[in-house]
Amino acid sequence: MSESVYKIIELVGTSTESWEKAAAAAVETAARTLRDLRIAEVVELDMQLDDGKVLAYRAKVKLSFKYQTEKD
């Protein structure tokens, strides 16, 4: 088995509908420019409020992807 190196980044996705859609938005957006995504971990959920009403659901996501080598 060869050694691998992974980078972990934090993203915040938002949605006016749900935390699930907010997390999915973060992953789907990252997938447009990052390759070999491995794990997404939701680490925090919160809501943006205005006058006591929910404006947006927010999900903070830790996302890991594999560093590419010249051999990959």
PDB file of N, CA and C in Angstrom:
ATOM      1  N   MET A   1       0.845  -1.189   0.000  1.00  0.00           N
ATOM      2  CA  MET A   1       0.000   0.000   0.000  1.00  0.00           C
ATOM      3  C   MET A   1       0.881   1.239   0.000  1.00  0.00           C
ATOM      4  N   SER A   2       0.606   2.187  -0.851  1.00  0.00           N
ATOM      5  CA  SER A   2       1.396   3.411  -0.904  1.00  0.00           C
ATOM      6  C   SER A   2       0.860   4.423   0.100  1.00  0.00           C
ATOM      7  N   GLU A   3       1.734   5.366   0.438  1.00  0.00           N
ATOM      8  CA  GLU A   3       1.336   6.417   1.363  1.00  0.00           C
ATOM      9  C   GLU A   3       0.510   7.464   0.634  1.00  0.00           C
ATOM     10  N   SER A   4      -0.374   8.103   1.358  1.00  0.00           N
ATOM     11  CA  SER A   4      -1.207   9.163   0.799  1.00  0.00           C
ATOM     12  C   SER A   4      -1.208  10.353   1.735  1.00  0.00           C
ATOM     13  N   VAL A   5      -1.454  11.513   1.180  1.00  0.00           N
ATOM     14  CA  VAL A   5      -1.557  12.741   1.960  1.00  0.00           C
ATOM     15  C   VAL A   5      -2.878  13.401   1.616  1.00  0.00           C
ATOM     16  N   TYR A   6      -3.574  13.879   2.635  1.00  0.00           N
ATOM     17  CA  TYR A   6      -4.876  14.508   2.442  1.00  0.00           C
ATOM     18  C   TYR A   6      -4.861  15.911   3.019  1.00  0.00           C
ATOM     19  N   LYS A   7      -5.539  16.791   2.367  1.00  0.00           N
ATOM     20  CA  LYS A   7      -5.716  18.166   2.831  1.00  0.00           C
ATOM     21  C   LYS A   7      -7.137  18.291   3.365  1.00  0.00           C
ATOM     22  N   ILE A   8      -7.296  19.001   4.481  1.00  0.00           N
ATOM     23  CA  ILE A   8      -8.621  19.234   5.055  1.00  0.00           C
ATOM     24  C   ILE A   8      -8.884  20.736   5.032  1.00  0.00           C
ATOM     25  N   ILE A   9     -10.031  21.101   4.466  1.00  0.00           N
ATOM     26  CA  ILE A   9     -10.443  22.504   4.423  1.00  0.00           C
ATOM     27  C   ILE A   9     -11.805  22.634   5.096  1.00  0.00           C
ATOM     28  N   GLU A  10     -12.121  23.844   5.517  1.00  0.00           N
ATOM     29  CA  GLU A  10     -13.441  24.124   6.084  1.00  0.00           C
ATOM     30  C   GLU A  10     -14.205  25.047   5.149  1.00  0.00           C
ATOM     31  N   LEU A  11     -15.440  24.703   4.921  1.00  0.00           N
ATOM     32  CA  LEU A  11     -16.329  25.490   4.076  1.00  0.00           C
ATOM     33  C   LEU A  11     -17.625  25.747   4.821  1.00  0.00           C
ATOM     34  N   VAL A  12     -18.332  26.798   4.435  1.00  0.00           N
ATOM     35  CA  VAL A  12     -19.664  27.058   4.971  1.00  0.00           C
ATOM     36  C   VAL A  12     -20.630  27.120   3.796  1.00  0.00           C
ATOM     37  N   GLY A  13     -21.587  26.209   3.793  1.00  0.00           N
ATOM     38  CA  GLY A  13     -22.632  26.218   2.779  1.00  0.00           C
ATOM     39  C   GLY A  13     -23.893  26.831   3.364  1.00  0.00           C
ATOM     40  N   THR A  14     -24.694  27.450   2.506  1.00  0.00           N
ATOM     41  CA  THR A  14     -25.947  28.050   2.967  1.00  0.00           C
ATOM     42  C   THR A  14     -27.107  27.597   2.099  1.00  0.00           C
ATOM     43  N   SER A  15     -28.288  27.608   2.692  1.00  0.00           N
ATOM     44  CA  SER A  15     -29.516  27.269   1.984  1.00  0.00           C
ATOM     45  C   SER A  15     -30.681  27.947   2.677  1.00  0.00           C
ATOM     46  N   THR A  16     -31.663  28.342   1.921  1.00  0.00           N
ATOM     47  CA  THR A  16     -32.870  28.899   2.524  1.00  0.00           C
ATOM     48  C   THR A  16     -33.843  27.794   2.914  1.00  0.00           C
ATOM     49  N   GLU A  17     -33.515  26.540   2.568  1.00  0.00           N
ATOM     50  CA  GLU A  17     -34.442  25.430   2.812  1.00  0.00           C
ATOM     51  C   GLU A  17     -34.075  24.509   3.975  1.00  0.00           C
ATOM     52  N   SER A  18     -32.784  24.107   4.086  1.00  0.00           N
ATOM     53  CA  SER A  18     -32.428  23.130   5.121  1.00  0.00           C
ATOM     54  C   SER A  18     -30.924  23.068   5.343  1.00  0.00           C
ATOM     55  N   TRP A  19     -30.531  22.471   6.482  1.00  0.00           N
ATOM     56  CA  TRP A  19     -29.119  22.236   6.761  1.00  0.00           C
ATOM     57  C   TRP A  19     -28.540  21.211   5.789  1.00  0.00           C
ATOM     58  N   GLU A  20     -29.321  20.213   5.425  1.00  0.00           N
ATOM     59  CA  GLU A  20     -28.843  19.201   4.479  1.00  0.00           C
ATOM     60  C   GLU A  20     -28.476  19.838   3.138  1.00  0.00           C
ATOM     61  N   LYS A  21     -29.319  20.732   2.658  1.00  0.00           N
ATOM     62  CA  LYS A  21     -29.030  21.399   1.388  1.00  0.00           C
ATOM     63  C   LYS A  21     -27.856  22.362   1.520  1.00  0.00           C
ATOM     64  N   ALA A  22     -27.698  22.946   2.681  1.00  0.00           N
ATOM     65  CA  ALA A  22     -26.554  23.826   2.919  1.00  0.00           C
ATOM     66  C   ALA A  22     -25.252  23.027   2.866  1.00  0.00           C
ATOM     67  N   ALA A  23     -25.216  21.873   3.509  1.00  0.00           N
ATOM     68  CA  ALA A  23     -24.020  21.022   3.483  1.00  0.00           C
ATOM     69  C   ALA A  23     -23.745  20.529   2.065  1.00  0.00           C
ATOM     70  N   ALA A  24     -24.788  20.112   1.369  1.00  0.00           N
ATOM     71  CA  ALA A  24     -24.627  19.641  -0.010  1.00  0.00           C
ATOM     72  C   ALA A  24     -24.107  20.745  -0.916  1.00  0.00           C
ATOM     73  N   ALA A  25     -24.541  21.967  -0.700  1.00  0.00           N
ATOM     74  CA  ALA A  25     -24.071  23.096  -1.512  1.00  0.00           C
ATOM     75  C   ALA A  25     -22.571  23.300  -1.341  1.00  0.00           C
ATOM     76  N   ALA A  26     -22.082  23.158  -0.123  1.00  0.00           N
ATOM     77  CA  ALA A  26     -20.643  23.307   0.124  1.00  0.00           C
ATOM     78  C   ALA A  26     -19.856  22.233  -0.620  1.00  0.00           C
ATOM     79  N   VAL A  27     -20.308  20.988  -0.531  1.00  0.00           N
ATOM     80  CA  VAL A  27     -19.611  19.876  -1.186  1.00  0.00           C
ATOM     81  C   VAL A  27     -19.688  20.001  -2.705  1.00  0.00           C
ATOM     82  N   GLU A  28     -20.854  20.296  -3.225  1.00  0.00           N
ATOM     83  CA  GLU A  28     -21.023  20.383  -4.680  1.00  0.00           C
ATOM     84  C   GLU A  28     -20.207  21.525  -5.273  1.00  0.00           C
ATOM     85  N   THR A  29     -20.128  22.632  -4.566  1.00  0.00           N
ATOM     86  CA  THR A  29     -19.328  23.746  -5.054  1.00  0.00           C
ATOM     87  C   THR A  29     -17.843  23.397  -5.045  1.00  0.00           C
ATOM     88  N   ALA A  30     -17.379  22.766  -3.970  1.00  0.00           N
ATOM     89  CA  ALA A  30     -15.969  22.362  -3.888  1.00  0.00           C
ATOM     90  C   ALA A  30     -15.626  21.343  -4.969  1.00  0.00           C
ATOM     91  N   ALA A  31     -16.560  20.465  -5.284  1.00  0.00           N
ATOM     92  CA  ALA A  31     -16.314  19.414  -6.275  1.00  0.00           C
ATOM     93  C   ALA A  31     -16.090  19.973  -7.683  1.00  0.00           C
ATOM     94  N   ARG A  32     -16.485  21.195  -7.916  1.00  0.00           N
ATOM     95  CA  ARG A  32     -16.267  21.804  -9.235  1.00  0.00           C
ATOM     96  C   ARG A  32     -14.791  22.081  -9.503  1.00  0.00           C
ATOM     97  N   THR A  33     -14.014  22.325  -8.434  1.00  0.00           N
ATOM     98  CA  THR A  33     -12.602  22.675  -8.624  1.00  0.00           C
ATOM     99  C   THR A  33     -11.624  21.730  -7.937  1.00  0.00           C
ATOM    100  N   LEU A  34     -12.087  20.917  -7.017  1.00  0.00           N
ATOM    101  CA  LEU A  34     -11.202  19.982  -6.317  1.00  0.00           C
ATOM    102  C   LEU A  34     -11.464  18.562  -6.797  1.00  0.00           C
ATOM    103  N   ARG A  35     -10.393  17.791  -6.913  1.00  0.00           N
ATOM    104  CA  ARG A  35     -10.546  16.398  -7.336  1.00  0.00           C
ATOM    105  C   ARG A  35     -10.321  15.465  -6.155  1.00  0.00           C
ATOM    106  N   ASP A  36     -10.857  14.287  -6.282  1.00  0.00           N
ATOM    107  CA  ASP A  36     -10.629  13.199  -5.323  1.00  0.00           C
ATOM    108  C   ASP A  36     -11.092  13.557  -3.910  1.00  0.00           C
ATOM    109  N   LEU A  37     -12.301  14.125  -3.816  1.00  0.00           N
ATOM    110  CA  LEU A  37     -12.878  14.409  -2.497  1.00  0.00           C
ATOM    111  C   LEU A  37     -13.116  13.094  -1.776  1.00  0.00           C
ATOM    112  N   ARG A  38     -12.846  13.068  -0.479  1.00  0.00           N
ATOM    113  CA  ARG A  38     -12.932  11.817   0.272  1.00  0.00           C
ATOM    114  C   ARG A  38     -14.003  11.816   1.353  1.00  0.00           C
ATOM    115  N   ILE A  39     -13.930  12.766   2.258  1.00  0.00           N
ATOM    116  CA  ILE A  39     -14.815  12.774   3.426  1.00  0.00           C
ATOM    117  C   ILE A  39     -15.359  14.184   3.633  1.00  0.00           C
ATOM    118  N   ALA A  40     -16.631  14.274   3.953  1.00  0.00           N
ATOM    119  CA  ALA A  40     -17.236  15.544   4.356  1.00  0.00           C
ATOM    120  C   ALA A  40     -17.826  15.331   5.750  1.00  0.00           C
ATOM    121  N   GLU A  41     -17.418  16.173   6.670  1.00  0.00           N
ATOM    122  CA  GLU A  41     -17.891  16.081   8.052  1.00  0.00           C
ATOM    123  C   GLU A  41     -18.564  17.386   8.441  1.00  0.00           C
ATOM    124  N   VAL A  42     -19.830  17.322   8.793  1.00  0.00           N
ATOM    125  CA  VAL A  42     -20.535  18.514   9.265  1.00  0.00           C
ATOM    126  C   VAL A  42     -20.103  18.753  10.705  1.00  0.00           C
ATOM    127  N   VAL A  43     -19.509  19.926  10.953  1.00  0.00           N
ATOM    128  CA  VAL A  43     -18.978  20.208  12.285  1.00  0.00           C
ATOM    129  C   VAL A  43     -19.792  21.235  13.053  1.00  0.00           C
ATOM    130  N   GLU A  44     -20.625  21.991  12.352  1.00  0.00           N
ATOM    131  CA  GLU A  44     -21.430  23.000  13.048  1.00  0.00           C
ATOM    132  C   GLU A  44     -22.632  23.372  12.183  1.00  0.00           C
ATOM    133  N   LEU A  45     -23.753  23.571  12.831  1.00  0.00           N
ATOM    134  CA  LEU A  45     -24.969  24.018  12.164  1.00  0.00           C
ATOM    135  C   LEU A  45     -25.440  25.299  12.845  1.00  0.00           C
ATOM    136  N   ASP A  46     -25.841  26.285  12.046  1.00  0.00           N
ATOM    137  CA  ASP A  46     -26.441  27.484  12.625  1.00  0.00           C
ATOM    138  C   ASP A  46     -27.416  28.084  11.626  1.00  0.00           C
ATOM    139  N   MET A  47     -28.051  29.152  12.033  1.00  0.00           N
ATOM    140  CA  MET A  47     -29.037  29.816  11.175  1.00  0.00           C
ATOM    141  C   MET A  47     -28.779  31.312  11.173  1.00  0.00           C
ATOM    142  N   GLN A  48     -29.012  31.927  10.043  1.00  0.00           N
ATOM    143  CA  GLN A  48     -28.987  33.378   9.941  1.00  0.00           C
ATOM    144  C   GLN A  48     -30.412  33.856  10.181  1.00  0.00           C
ATOM    145  N   LEU A  49     -30.570  34.807  11.099  1.00  0.00           N
ATOM    146  CA  LEU A  49     -31.899  35.278  11.496  1.00  0.00           C
ATOM    147  C   LEU A  49     -32.092  36.756  11.176  1.00  0.00           C
ATOM    148  N   ASP A  50     -33.339  37.128  10.959  1.00  0.00           N
ATOM    149  CA  ASP A  50     -33.705  38.530  10.816  1.00  0.00           C
ATOM    150  C   ASP A  50     -35.081  38.715  11.427  1.00  0.00           C
ATOM    151  N   ASP A  51     -35.139  39.549  12.454  1.00  0.00           N
ATOM    152  CA  ASP A  51     -36.404  39.828  13.127  1.00  0.00           C
ATOM    153  C   ASP A  51     -37.099  38.551  13.596  1.00  0.00           C
ATOM    154  N   GLY A  52     -36.303  37.618  14.109  1.00  0.00           N
ATOM    155  CA  GLY A  52     -36.846  36.370  14.644  1.00  0.00           C
ATOM    156  C   GLY A  52     -37.227  35.337  13.607  1.00  0.00           C
ATOM    157  N   LYS A  53     -36.920  35.577  12.341  1.00  0.00           N
ATOM    158  CA  LYS A  53     -37.240  34.623  11.273  1.00  0.00           C
ATOM    159  C   LYS A  53     -35.961  34.092  10.645  1.00  0.00           C
ATOM    160  N   VAL A  54     -36.004  32.834  10.254  1.00  0.00           N
ATOM    161  CA  VAL A  54     -34.847  32.193   9.639  1.00  0.00           C
ATOM    162  C   VAL A  54     -34.690  32.686   8.205  1.00  0.00           C
ATOM    163  N   LEU A  55     -33.529  33.270   7.920  1.00  0.00           N
ATOM    164  CA  LEU A  55     -33.213  33.689   6.556  1.00  0.00           C
ATOM    165  C   LEU A  55     -32.465  32.589   5.807  1.00  0.00           C
ATOM    166  N   ALA A  56     -31.556  31.912   6.536  1.00  0.00           N
ATOM    167  CA  ALA A  56     -30.755  30.876   5.885  1.00  0.00           C
ATOM    168  C   ALA A  56     -30.244  29.869   6.906  1.00  0.00           C
ATOM    169  N   TYR A  57     -30.127  28.636   6.473  1.00  0.00           N
ATOM    170  CA  TYR A  57     -29.490  27.576   7.243  1.00  0.00           C
ATOM    171  C   TYR A  57     -28.039  27.524   6.791  1.00  0.00           C
ATOM    172  N   ARG A  58     -27.119  27.364   7.758  1.00  0.00           N
ATOM    173  CA  ARG A  58     -25.701  27.318   7.429  1.00  0.00           C
ATOM    174  C   ARG A  58     -25.080  26.063   8.016  1.00  0.00           C
ATOM    175  N   ALA A  59     -24.256  25.410   7.215  1.00  0.00           N
ATOM    176  CA  ALA A  59     -23.556  24.206   7.665  1.00  0.00           C
ATOM    177  C   ALA A  59     -22.061  24.393   7.445  1.00  0.00           C
ATOM    178  N   LYS A  60     -21.294  24.296   8.538  1.00  0.00           N
ATOM    179  CA  LYS A  60     -19.839  24.323   8.420  1.00  0.00           C
ATOM    180  C   LYS A  60     -19.384  22.882   8.182  1.00  0.00           C
ATOM    181  N   VAL A  61     -18.613  22.685   7.120  1.00  0.00           N
ATOM    182  CA  VAL A  61     -18.230  21.346   6.685  1.00  0.00           C
ATOM    183  C   VAL A  61     -16.714  21.263   6.586  1.00  0.00           C
ATOM    184  N   LYS A  62     -16.124  20.216   7.170  1.00  0.00           N
ATOM    185  CA  LYS A  62     -14.719  19.891   6.943  1.00  0.00           C
ATOM    186  C   LYS A  62     -14.687  18.902   5.790  1.00  0.00           C
ATOM    187  N   LEU A  63     -13.888  19.220   4.794  1.00  0.00           N
ATOM    188  CA  LEU A  63     -13.847  18.417   3.582  1.00  0.00           C
ATOM    189  C   LEU A  63     -12.410  18.006   3.311  1.00  0.00           C
ATOM    190  N   SER A  64     -12.204  16.721   3.055  1.00  0.00           N
ATOM    191  CA  SER A  64     -10.841  16.264   2.769  1.00  0.00           C
ATOM    192  C   SER A  64     -10.738  15.802   1.324  1.00  0.00           C
ATOM    193  N   PHE A  65      -9.549  16.044   0.771  1.00  0.00           N
ATOM    194  CA  PHE A  65      -9.263  15.573  -0.578  1.00  0.00           C
ATOM    195  C   PHE A  65      -7.811  15.122  -0.632  1.00  0.00           C
ATOM    196  N   LYS A  66      -7.532  14.216  -1.538  1.00  0.00           N
ATOM    197  CA  LYS A  66      -6.208  13.620  -1.648  1.00  0.00           C
ATOM    198  C   LYS A  66      -5.303  14.510  -2.490  1.00  0.00           C
ATOM    199  N   TYR A  67      -4.090  14.753  -1.979  1.00  0.00           N
ATOM    200  CA  TYR A  67      -3.098  15.452  -2.778  1.00  0.00           C
ATOM    201  C   TYR A  67      -2.691  14.568  -3.936  1.00  0.00           C
ATOM    202  N   GLN A  68      -2.588  15.136  -5.100  1.00  0.00           N
ATOM    203  CA  GLN A  68      -2.176  14.395  -6.280  1.00  0.00           C
ATOM    204  C   GLN A  68      -0.658  14.449  -6.412  1.00  0.00           C
ATOM    205  N   THR A  69      -0.074  13.324  -6.780  1.00  0.00           N
ATOM    206  CA  THR A  69       1.348  13.264  -7.062  1.00  0.00           C
ATOM    207  C   THR A  69       1.552  13.189  -8.553  1.00  0.00           C
ATOM    208  N   GLU A  70       2.767  13.290  -8.989  1.00  0.00           N
ATOM    209  CA  GLU A  70       3.052  13.211 -10.419  1.00  0.00           C
ATOM    210  C   GLU A  70       2.670  11.844 -10.977  1.00  0.00           C
ATOM    211  N   LYS A  71       2.667  10.815 -10.146  1.00  0.00           N
ATOM    212  CA  LYS A  71       2.318   9.470 -10.600  1.00  0.00           C
ATOM    213  C   LYS A  71       0.821   9.263 -10.715  1.00  0.00           C
ATOM    214  N   ASP A  72       0.024  10.069  -9.998  1.00  0.00           N
ATOM    215  CA  ASP A  72      -1.438   9.886  -9.982  1.00  0.00           C
ATOM    216  C   ASP A  72      -2.082  10.285 -11.281  1.00  0.00           C
TER     217      ASP A  72
END
